[in-house]
N, C-alpha and C. Protein backbone atom coordinates (compact mmCIF):
# COMPACT_ATOMS: atom_id res chain seq x y z
N MET A 1 6.77 14.86 13.84
CA MET A 1 5.39 14.61 13.51
C MET A 1 5.27 13.33 12.70
N ALA A 2 4.26 12.55 12.99
CA ALA A 2 4.02 11.31 12.25
C ALA A 2 3.54 11.62 10.85
N ILE A 3 3.80 10.70 9.95
CA ILE A 3 3.33 10.85 8.57
C ILE A 3 2.58 9.59 8.18
N ARG A 4 1.48 9.79 7.49
CA ARG A 4 0.69 8.68 6.97
C ARG A 4 0.91 8.59 5.47
N HIS A 5 1.03 7.38 5.00
CA HIS A 5 1.30 7.07 3.60
C HIS A 5 0.11 6.25 3.11
N LEU A 6 -0.76 6.86 2.33
CA LEU A 6 -1.98 6.23 1.84
C LEU A 6 -1.75 5.70 0.44
N VAL A 7 -2.04 4.42 0.24
CA VAL A 7 -1.87 3.78 -1.06
C VAL A 7 -3.21 3.16 -1.47
N LEU A 8 -3.73 3.59 -2.61
CA LEU A 8 -4.96 3.03 -3.16
C LEU A 8 -4.61 2.24 -4.41
N LEU A 9 -5.15 1.03 -4.51
CA LEU A 9 -4.84 0.15 -5.63
C LEU A 9 -6.07 -0.17 -6.46
N ARG A 10 -5.88 -0.17 -7.76
CA ARG A 10 -6.87 -0.68 -8.70
C ARG A 10 -6.16 -1.78 -9.49
N PHE A 11 -6.55 -3.01 -9.25
CA PHE A 11 -5.92 -4.14 -9.92
C PHE A 11 -6.38 -4.25 -11.37
N ALA A 12 -5.50 -4.75 -12.21
CA ALA A 12 -5.88 -5.08 -13.58
C ALA A 12 -6.93 -6.18 -13.51
N PRO A 13 -7.93 -6.13 -14.38
CA PRO A 13 -9.02 -7.12 -14.31
C PRO A 13 -8.54 -8.56 -14.43
N GLU A 14 -7.45 -8.79 -15.14
CA GLU A 14 -6.97 -10.16 -15.33
C GLU A 14 -6.15 -10.69 -14.16
N THR A 15 -5.95 -9.89 -13.12
CA THR A 15 -5.19 -10.35 -11.96
C THR A 15 -6.00 -11.40 -11.20
N PRO A 16 -5.48 -12.62 -11.10
CA PRO A 16 -6.22 -13.68 -10.41
C PRO A 16 -6.42 -13.37 -8.92
N ALA A 17 -7.49 -13.87 -8.37
CA ALA A 17 -7.81 -13.63 -6.96
C ALA A 17 -6.69 -14.11 -6.04
N ASN A 18 -6.06 -15.24 -6.35
CA ASN A 18 -4.99 -15.73 -5.49
C ASN A 18 -3.77 -14.81 -5.52
N GLU A 19 -3.52 -14.15 -6.66
CA GLU A 19 -2.41 -13.20 -6.72
C GLU A 19 -2.75 -11.94 -5.92
N ARG A 20 -3.99 -11.51 -5.98
CA ARG A 20 -4.42 -10.37 -5.16
C ARG A 20 -4.23 -10.68 -3.69
N ARG A 21 -4.62 -11.87 -3.27
CA ARG A 21 -4.44 -12.26 -1.86
C ARG A 21 -2.96 -12.29 -1.49
N GLY A 22 -2.12 -12.77 -2.39
CA GLY A 22 -0.68 -12.78 -2.13
C GLY A 22 -0.11 -11.38 -1.99
N ILE A 23 -0.60 -10.46 -2.80
CA ILE A 23 -0.15 -9.07 -2.72
C ILE A 23 -0.62 -8.44 -1.42
N GLU A 24 -1.85 -8.70 -1.03
CA GLU A 24 -2.35 -8.20 0.26
C GLU A 24 -1.45 -8.67 1.40
N ALA A 25 -1.12 -9.95 1.40
CA ALA A 25 -0.27 -10.52 2.46
C ALA A 25 1.13 -9.92 2.41
N ALA A 26 1.66 -9.75 1.22
CA ALA A 26 3.01 -9.19 1.09
C ALA A 26 3.06 -7.74 1.57
N PHE A 27 2.02 -6.97 1.25
CA PHE A 27 1.97 -5.57 1.71
C PHE A 27 1.87 -5.55 3.23
N ALA A 28 0.98 -6.38 3.78
CA ALA A 28 0.78 -6.42 5.23
C ALA A 28 2.03 -6.87 5.98
N ALA A 29 2.93 -7.59 5.30
CA ALA A 29 4.16 -8.08 5.94
C ALA A 29 5.28 -7.04 5.95
N LEU A 30 5.14 -5.96 5.21
CA LEU A 30 6.23 -4.98 5.14
C LEU A 30 6.68 -4.44 6.50
N PRO A 31 5.79 -4.21 7.47
CA PRO A 31 6.27 -3.72 8.77
C PRO A 31 7.24 -4.68 9.47
N THR A 32 7.17 -5.96 9.16
CA THR A 32 8.09 -6.92 9.77
C THR A 32 9.45 -6.91 9.08
N GLN A 33 9.52 -6.28 7.92
CA GLN A 33 10.75 -6.28 7.13
C GLN A 33 11.45 -4.92 7.10
N ILE A 34 10.70 -3.87 7.44
CA ILE A 34 11.25 -2.52 7.30
C ILE A 34 11.06 -1.75 8.61
N ASP A 35 12.16 -1.37 9.23
CA ASP A 35 12.08 -0.54 10.43
C ASP A 35 11.49 0.82 10.06
N GLY A 36 10.78 1.41 10.98
CA GLY A 36 10.26 2.75 10.76
C GLY A 36 8.77 2.78 10.47
N ILE A 37 8.19 1.62 10.08
CA ILE A 37 6.74 1.56 9.91
C ILE A 37 6.16 1.29 11.29
N THR A 38 5.41 2.24 11.83
CA THR A 38 4.88 2.07 13.18
C THR A 38 3.49 1.44 13.18
N ALA A 39 2.80 1.50 12.03
CA ALA A 39 1.47 0.87 11.94
C ALA A 39 1.12 0.68 10.47
N LEU A 40 0.30 -0.32 10.22
CA LEU A 40 -0.24 -0.53 8.89
C LEU A 40 -1.67 -1.02 9.04
N GLU A 41 -2.58 -0.36 8.34
CA GLU A 41 -3.97 -0.78 8.29
C GLU A 41 -4.33 -0.92 6.82
N TRP A 42 -5.22 -1.85 6.53
CA TRP A 42 -5.64 -1.98 5.14
C TRP A 42 -7.01 -2.64 5.09
N GLY A 43 -7.63 -2.47 3.95
CA GLY A 43 -8.92 -3.11 3.73
C GLY A 43 -9.36 -2.90 2.29
N THR A 44 -10.50 -3.51 1.98
CA THR A 44 -11.07 -3.35 0.65
C THR A 44 -12.27 -2.42 0.73
N ASN A 45 -12.57 -1.78 -0.37
CA ASN A 45 -13.62 -0.78 -0.41
C ASN A 45 -14.99 -1.38 -0.06
N VAL A 46 -15.67 -0.74 0.87
CA VAL A 46 -17.04 -1.12 1.23
C VAL A 46 -17.97 0.09 1.17
N SER A 47 -17.52 1.17 0.57
CA SER A 47 -18.32 2.40 0.51
C SER A 47 -19.52 2.22 -0.41
N PRO A 48 -20.70 2.65 0.05
CA PRO A 48 -21.88 2.59 -0.81
C PRO A 48 -22.01 3.81 -1.74
N GLU A 49 -21.07 4.76 -1.67
CA GLU A 49 -21.19 6.01 -2.42
C GLU A 49 -20.93 5.88 -3.91
N GLY A 50 -20.20 4.84 -4.31
CA GLY A 50 -19.91 4.67 -5.73
C GLY A 50 -18.90 5.66 -6.28
N LEU A 51 -18.00 6.14 -5.44
CA LEU A 51 -17.02 7.15 -5.86
C LEU A 51 -15.58 6.63 -5.88
N ALA A 52 -15.39 5.32 -5.80
CA ALA A 52 -14.06 4.74 -5.68
C ALA A 52 -13.28 4.74 -6.99
N LYS A 53 -13.92 5.00 -8.09
CA LYS A 53 -13.26 5.07 -9.40
C LYS A 53 -12.47 3.80 -9.72
N GLY A 54 -12.98 2.67 -9.26
CA GLY A 54 -12.35 1.39 -9.55
C GLY A 54 -11.29 0.97 -8.56
N PHE A 55 -10.89 1.83 -7.63
CA PHE A 55 -9.92 1.45 -6.62
C PHE A 55 -10.62 0.53 -5.62
N THR A 56 -9.96 -0.56 -5.32
CA THR A 56 -10.58 -1.58 -4.46
C THR A 56 -9.87 -1.77 -3.13
N HIS A 57 -8.60 -1.41 -3.05
CA HIS A 57 -7.79 -1.67 -1.86
C HIS A 57 -7.17 -0.38 -1.34
N ALA A 58 -7.19 -0.22 -0.02
CA ALA A 58 -6.55 0.93 0.62
C ALA A 58 -5.58 0.42 1.68
N PHE A 59 -4.39 0.94 1.67
CA PHE A 59 -3.36 0.63 2.66
C PHE A 59 -2.90 1.95 3.27
N VAL A 60 -2.83 2.00 4.59
CA VAL A 60 -2.37 3.19 5.29
C VAL A 60 -1.21 2.80 6.18
N LEU A 61 -0.03 3.28 5.83
CA LEU A 61 1.17 3.04 6.64
C LEU A 61 1.44 4.29 7.46
N THR A 62 1.85 4.11 8.69
CA THR A 62 2.22 5.22 9.55
C THR A 62 3.71 5.14 9.84
N PHE A 63 4.37 6.28 9.68
CA PHE A 63 5.79 6.42 9.98
C PHE A 63 5.96 7.47 11.07
N ALA A 64 7.00 7.33 11.87
CA ALA A 64 7.25 8.29 12.94
C ALA A 64 7.48 9.69 12.40
N ASP A 65 8.12 9.77 11.23
CA ASP A 65 8.44 11.06 10.65
C ASP A 65 8.81 10.87 9.18
N THR A 66 9.12 11.97 8.51
CA THR A 66 9.45 11.88 7.09
C THR A 66 10.77 11.14 6.86
N THR A 67 11.67 11.17 7.83
CA THR A 67 12.93 10.44 7.70
C THR A 67 12.66 8.94 7.59
N ALA A 68 11.75 8.42 8.41
CA ALA A 68 11.40 7.00 8.35
C ALA A 68 10.72 6.67 7.03
N ARG A 69 9.83 7.54 6.57
CA ARG A 69 9.17 7.34 5.27
C ARG A 69 10.19 7.35 4.14
N ASP A 70 11.12 8.30 4.21
CA ASP A 70 12.12 8.42 3.16
C ASP A 70 13.06 7.20 3.12
N ALA A 71 13.29 6.57 4.26
CA ALA A 71 14.10 5.34 4.30
C ALA A 71 13.32 4.15 3.73
N TYR A 72 12.01 4.16 3.89
CA TYR A 72 11.14 3.08 3.40
C TYR A 72 11.11 3.04 1.88
N LEU A 73 11.02 4.20 1.24
CA LEU A 73 10.81 4.24 -0.21
C LEU A 73 11.87 3.48 -1.00
N PRO A 74 13.18 3.65 -0.73
CA PRO A 74 14.18 2.89 -1.49
C PRO A 74 14.59 1.56 -0.83
N HIS A 75 13.93 1.18 0.25
CA HIS A 75 14.28 -0.05 0.96
C HIS A 75 14.11 -1.25 0.02
N PRO A 76 15.07 -2.19 0.04
CA PRO A 76 14.98 -3.35 -0.86
C PRO A 76 13.68 -4.15 -0.71
N ALA A 77 13.14 -4.28 0.48
CA ALA A 77 11.88 -5.03 0.66
C ALA A 77 10.72 -4.28 0.01
N HIS A 78 10.71 -2.96 0.11
CA HIS A 78 9.66 -2.17 -0.55
C HIS A 78 9.79 -2.26 -2.06
N LEU A 79 11.01 -2.14 -2.56
CA LEU A 79 11.23 -2.21 -4.00
C LEU A 79 10.86 -3.57 -4.56
N ALA A 80 11.14 -4.64 -3.82
CA ALA A 80 10.76 -5.99 -4.26
C ALA A 80 9.24 -6.13 -4.28
N PHE A 81 8.57 -5.55 -3.29
CA PHE A 81 7.12 -5.59 -3.27
C PHE A 81 6.55 -4.84 -4.48
N VAL A 82 7.06 -3.66 -4.75
CA VAL A 82 6.58 -2.86 -5.88
C VAL A 82 6.79 -3.62 -7.20
N ALA A 83 7.92 -4.30 -7.33
CA ALA A 83 8.18 -5.08 -8.55
C ALA A 83 7.15 -6.20 -8.72
N ARG A 84 6.73 -6.80 -7.62
CA ARG A 84 5.69 -7.83 -7.69
C ARG A 84 4.33 -7.21 -8.02
N LEU A 85 4.05 -6.08 -7.43
CA LEU A 85 2.75 -5.43 -7.57
C LEU A 85 2.53 -4.84 -8.96
N ARG A 86 3.54 -4.18 -9.49
CA ARG A 86 3.39 -3.38 -10.71
C ARG A 86 2.70 -4.11 -11.87
N PRO A 87 3.04 -5.36 -12.19
CA PRO A 87 2.38 -6.01 -13.33
C PRO A 87 0.89 -6.29 -13.11
N CYS A 88 0.44 -6.22 -11.88
CA CYS A 88 -0.96 -6.52 -11.54
C CYS A 88 -1.84 -5.28 -11.47
N LEU A 89 -1.26 -4.11 -11.65
CA LEU A 89 -1.99 -2.87 -11.42
C LEU A 89 -2.59 -2.29 -12.69
N ALA A 90 -3.79 -1.76 -12.55
CA ALA A 90 -4.38 -0.89 -13.56
C ALA A 90 -4.07 0.55 -13.18
N ASP A 91 -4.00 0.83 -11.86
CA ASP A 91 -3.71 2.19 -11.39
C ASP A 91 -3.34 2.15 -9.92
N VAL A 92 -2.64 3.16 -9.48
CA VAL A 92 -2.28 3.33 -8.08
C VAL A 92 -2.33 4.82 -7.76
N LEU A 93 -2.71 5.13 -6.53
CA LEU A 93 -2.74 6.51 -6.06
C LEU A 93 -2.06 6.53 -4.71
N VAL A 94 -1.10 7.42 -4.53
CA VAL A 94 -0.35 7.51 -3.27
C VAL A 94 -0.39 8.96 -2.79
N LEU A 95 -0.77 9.13 -1.52
CA LEU A 95 -0.76 10.43 -0.88
C LEU A 95 -0.12 10.28 0.49
N ASP A 96 0.66 11.27 0.87
CA ASP A 96 1.22 11.33 2.22
C ASP A 96 0.68 12.56 2.92
N PHE A 97 0.42 12.40 4.21
CA PHE A 97 -0.03 13.56 4.98
C PHE A 97 0.51 13.46 6.40
N ILE A 98 0.71 14.62 7.00
CA ILE A 98 1.27 14.72 8.35
C ILE A 98 0.14 14.74 9.35
N VAL A 99 0.32 13.98 10.44
CA VAL A 99 -0.70 13.93 11.50
C VAL A 99 -0.10 14.39 12.82
């Protein structure tokens, strides 16, 4: 069964726009660096409901199964991305679900 990995980001207010764009590009590039990611979609919040709680970015990665997801988590490219992202974050929310 496929698994979806949902990542919601709330950037620290002092994160410059160009760094946010760089992080978006780096996240979007992960499928080219890590086998097992079968799809990646992302975007910024456009909901009129006002319920985002400050989260502005959503990334949805699809993996063939939990084995592929489990290989992604400690992958050096993922860890390097997280190291770049972490200083720019006010908060992050991650959920996985089976489809």
